[in-house]
Amino acid sequence: MVNEGHFRYQEPEPERHAFSLCRVTDAGTFDQGYDLLGVVQVTVDRRDPKRLTPGLLPWALATLASGGYGFGRYYAAYTTLDEDDEPYHSLAEEYVDWSGSEVLAPAGQQPAAQR
């Protein structure tokens, strides 16, 4: 009996990337947590995935402004996605302190979005 096998080359699935937004709960405490509000898959240049990094903060601020999100601390991340379309490996991240209509900044400082 002769076993004949055929080698099949299967190209790996391309890595998928996304922007995600979370509300930070109990910020600055031992119980700090993250409630995932949404994930948006983004198209990326496979040769230079970090090219989208500068777009993370503007995307997060536009999302907060248009989504009616209230006062609080938010976490935005540019990540790869796992097989369940959940954020996996972080490539960039931003924390945003949000008043409900604009970025909050310590007295005497301009918010990062306005620099």
C-alpha atoms as a PDB file:
ATOM      1  CA  MET A   1       0.000   0.000   0.000  1.00  0.00           C
ATOM      2  CA  VAL A   2       1.393   3.386  -1.010  1.00  0.00           C
ATOM      3  CA  ASN A   3       0.346   6.601   0.667  1.00  0.00           C
ATOM      4  CA  GLU A   4       0.529   9.524  -1.670  1.00  0.00           C
ATOM      5  CA  GLY A   5       0.271  12.902  -0.112  1.00  0.00           C
ATOM      6  CA  HIS A   6      -0.096  16.284  -1.615  1.00  0.00           C
ATOM      7  CA  PHE A   7       1.478  19.296  -0.015  1.00  0.00           C
ATOM      8  CA  ARG A   8      -0.821  22.272  -0.105  1.00  0.00           C
ATOM      9  CA  TYR A   9       0.554  25.680   0.619  1.00  0.00           C
ATOM     10  CA  GLN A  10      -1.966  27.728   2.458  1.00  0.00           C
ATOM     11  CA  GLU A  11      -1.243  31.412   2.592  1.00  0.00           C
ATOM     12  CA  PRO A  12      -1.721  32.746   6.110  1.00  0.00           C
ATOM     13  CA  GLU A  13      -4.620  35.078   6.713  1.00  0.00           C
ATOM     14  CA  PRO A  14      -3.479  38.687   6.587  1.00  0.00           C
ATOM     15  CA  GLU A  15      -3.312  40.387   9.945  1.00  0.00           C
ATOM     16  CA  ARG A  16      -6.338  42.595  10.532  1.00  0.00           C
ATOM     17  CA  HIS A  17      -6.159  45.972  12.289  1.00  0.00           C
ATOM     18  CA  ALA A  18      -8.709  48.157  14.053  1.00  0.00           C
ATOM     19  CA  PHE A  19      -9.318  51.242  16.127  1.00  0.00           C
ATOM     20  CA  SER A  20     -11.218  50.563  19.335  1.00  0.00           C
ATOM     21  CA  LEU A  21     -12.728  52.749  22.031  1.00  0.00           C
ATOM     22  CA  CYS A  22     -13.299  51.842  25.683  1.00  0.00           C
ATOM     23  CA  ARG A  23     -14.743  53.693  28.634  1.00  0.00           C
ATOM     24  CA  VAL A  24     -12.366  53.464  31.593  1.00  0.00           C
ATOM     25  CA  THR A  25     -14.238  52.498  34.751  1.00  0.00           C
ATOM     26  CA  ASP A  26     -12.939  53.294  38.234  1.00  0.00           C
ATOM     27  CA  ALA A  27     -10.012  55.180  36.656  1.00  0.00           C
ATOM     28  CA  GLY A  28      -6.885  55.377  38.790  1.00  0.00           C
ATOM     29  CA  THR A  29      -8.001  52.728  41.282  1.00  0.00           C
ATOM     30  CA  PHE A  30      -7.114  49.106  41.864  1.00  0.00           C
ATOM     31  CA  ASP A  31     -10.458  48.178  40.282  1.00  0.00           C
ATOM     32  CA  GLN A  32      -9.806  50.089  37.035  1.00  0.00           C
ATOM     33  CA  GLY A  33     -11.495  48.380  34.109  1.00  0.00           C
ATOM     34  CA  TYR A  34     -12.326  48.898  30.444  1.00  0.00           C
ATOM     35  CA  ASP A  35     -15.781  48.634  28.850  1.00  0.00           C
ATOM     36  CA  LEU A  36     -15.404  48.104  25.121  1.00  0.00           C
ATOM     37  CA  LEU A  37     -17.693  50.549  23.308  1.00  0.00           C
ATOM     38  CA  GLY A  38     -16.808  49.709  19.739  1.00  0.00           C
ATOM     39  CA  VAL A  39     -14.304  48.417  17.227  1.00  0.00           C
ATOM     40  CA  VAL A  40     -13.797  49.684  13.674  1.00  0.00           C
ATOM     41  CA  GLN A  41     -11.651  47.610  11.340  1.00  0.00           C
ATOM     42  CA  VAL A  42      -9.223  49.757   9.336  1.00  0.00           C
ATOM     43  CA  THR A  43      -7.431  49.090   6.088  1.00  0.00           C
ATOM     44  CA  VAL A  44      -3.696  49.250   6.505  1.00  0.00           C
ATOM     45  CA  ASP A  45      -0.594  49.204   4.328  1.00  0.00           C
ATOM     46  CA  ARG A  46       0.868  45.780   5.202  1.00  0.00           C
ATOM     47  CA  ARG A  47       4.412  47.103   4.694  1.00  0.00           C
ATOM     48  CA  ASP A  48       3.919  49.942   7.201  1.00  0.00           C
ATOM     49  CA  PRO A  49       1.078  49.208   9.651  1.00  0.00           C
ATOM     50  CA  LYS A  50       2.101  52.032  11.999  1.00  0.00           C
ATOM     51  CA  ARG A  51       1.234  54.570   9.313  1.00  0.00           C
ATOM     52  CA  LEU A  52      -2.283  54.816  10.799  1.00  0.00           C
ATOM     53  CA  THR A  53      -1.048  55.635  14.314  1.00  0.00           C
ATOM     54  CA  PRO A  54      -1.409  59.451  13.936  1.00  0.00           C
ATOM     55  CA  GLY A  55      -5.076  58.962  13.008  1.00  0.00           C
ATOM     56  CA  LEU A  56      -6.022  57.291  16.298  1.00  0.00           C
ATOM     57  CA  LEU A  57      -6.580  60.393  18.452  1.00  0.00           C
ATOM     58  CA  PRO A  58      -8.553  62.346  15.804  1.00  0.00           C
ATOM     59  CA  TRP A  59     -10.731  59.255  15.246  1.00  0.00           C
ATOM     60  CA  ALA A  60     -11.333  58.857  18.993  1.00  0.00           C
ATOM     61  CA  LEU A  61     -12.256  62.539  19.435  1.00  0.00           C
ATOM     62  CA  ALA A  62     -14.603  62.478  16.434  1.00  0.00           C
ATOM     63  CA  THR A  63     -16.224  59.309  17.771  1.00  0.00           C
ATOM     64  CA  LEU A  64     -16.672  60.795  21.249  1.00  0.00           C
ATOM     65  CA  ALA A  65     -18.087  64.051  19.841  1.00  0.00           C
ATOM     66  CA  SER A  66     -20.539  62.395  17.471  1.00  0.00           C
ATOM     67  CA  GLY A  67     -21.544  59.564  19.790  1.00  0.00           C
ATOM     68  CA  GLY A  68     -22.938  61.609  22.651  1.00  0.00           C
ATOM     69  CA  TYR A  69     -20.532  60.115  25.169  1.00  0.00           C
ATOM     70  CA  GLY A  70     -20.626  61.714  28.599  1.00  0.00           C
ATOM     71  CA  PHE A  71     -18.020  62.891  31.071  1.00  0.00           C
ATOM     72  CA  GLY A  72     -15.279  60.386  31.786  1.00  0.00           C
ATOM     73  CA  ARG A  73     -11.968  58.860  30.859  1.00  0.00           C
ATOM     74  CA  TYR A  74     -11.747  56.909  27.611  1.00  0.00           C
ATOM     75  CA  TYR A  75      -9.108  54.650  26.116  1.00  0.00           C
ATOM     76  CA  ALA A  76      -8.554  54.444  22.367  1.00  0.00           C
ATOM     77  CA  ALA A  77      -6.280  51.830  20.839  1.00  0.00           C
ATOM     78  CA  TYR A  78      -4.938  50.892  17.433  1.00  0.00           C
ATOM     79  CA  THR A  79      -4.614  47.106  17.559  1.00  0.00           C
ATOM     80  CA  THR A  80      -4.551  43.889  15.639  1.00  0.00           C
ATOM     81  CA  LEU A  81      -7.712  41.780  15.840  1.00  0.00           C
ATOM     82  CA  ASP A  82      -8.026  38.217  17.056  1.00  0.00           C
ATOM     83  CA  GLU A  83     -10.166  35.535  15.404  1.00  0.00           C
ATOM     84  CA  ASP A  84     -13.267  36.826  17.255  1.00  0.00           C
ATOM     85  CA  ASP A  85     -12.778  40.421  15.983  1.00  0.00           C
ATOM     86  CA  GLU A  86     -11.676  41.548  19.431  1.00  0.00           C
ATOM     87  CA  PRO A  87      -8.689  43.884  20.010  1.00  0.00           C
ATOM     88  CA  TYR A  88      -5.555  41.817  20.481  1.00  0.00           C
ATOM     89  CA  HIS A  89      -2.065  43.336  20.178  1.00  0.00           C
ATOM     90  CA  SER A  90      -1.796  47.088  20.804  1.00  0.00           C
ATOM     91  CA  LEU A  91       0.234  49.167  18.337  1.00  0.00           C
ATOM     92  CA  ALA A  92      -0.718  52.576  19.769  1.00  0.00           C
ATOM     93  CA  GLU A  93      -2.958  53.900  22.538  1.00  0.00           C
ATOM     94  CA  GLU A  94      -4.367  57.177  23.807  1.00  0.00           C
ATOM     95  CA  TYR A  95      -6.216  58.128  26.983  1.00  0.00           C
ATOM     96  CA  VAL A  96      -8.782  60.913  26.624  1.00  0.00           C
ATOM     97  CA  ASP A  97     -10.361  62.802  29.512  1.00  0.00           C
ATOM     98  CA  TRP A  98     -13.690  63.901  28.040  1.00  0.00           C
ATOM     99  CA  SER A  99     -16.077  66.568  29.362  1.00  0.00           C
ATOM    100  CA  GLY A 100     -19.014  65.345  27.315  1.00  0.00           C
ATOM    101  CA  SER A 101     -18.291  67.863  24.561  1.00  0.00           C
ATOM    102  CA  GLU A 102     -14.512  68.423  24.511  1.00  0.00           C
ATOM    103  CA  VAL A 103     -11.165  67.205  25.810  1.00  0.00           C
ATOM    104  CA  LEU A 104     -10.315  68.154  29.383  1.00  0.00           C
ATOM    105  CA  ALA A 105      -6.786  69.337  30.178  1.00  0.00           C
ATOM    106  CA  PRO A 106      -5.032  70.433  33.356  1.00  0.00           C
ATOM    107  CA  ALA A 107      -5.211  74.195  34.001  1.00  0.00           C
ATOM    108  CA  GLY A 108      -2.795  76.118  31.814  1.00  0.00           C
ATOM    109  CA  GLN A 109      -2.366  73.367  29.232  1.00  0.00           C
ATOM    110  CA  GLN A 110      -3.977  72.984  25.841  1.00  0.00           C
ATOM    111  CA  PRO A 111      -5.613  69.642  25.117  1.00  0.00           C
ATOM    112  CA  ALA A 112      -3.468  67.401  22.881  1.00  0.00           C
ATOM    113  CA  ALA A 113      -6.048  67.636  20.102  1.00  0.00           C
ATOM    114  CA  GLN A 114      -5.628  71.422  19.867  1.00  0.00           C
ATOM    115  CA  ARG A 115      -1.800  71.541  19.772  1.00  0.00           C
END
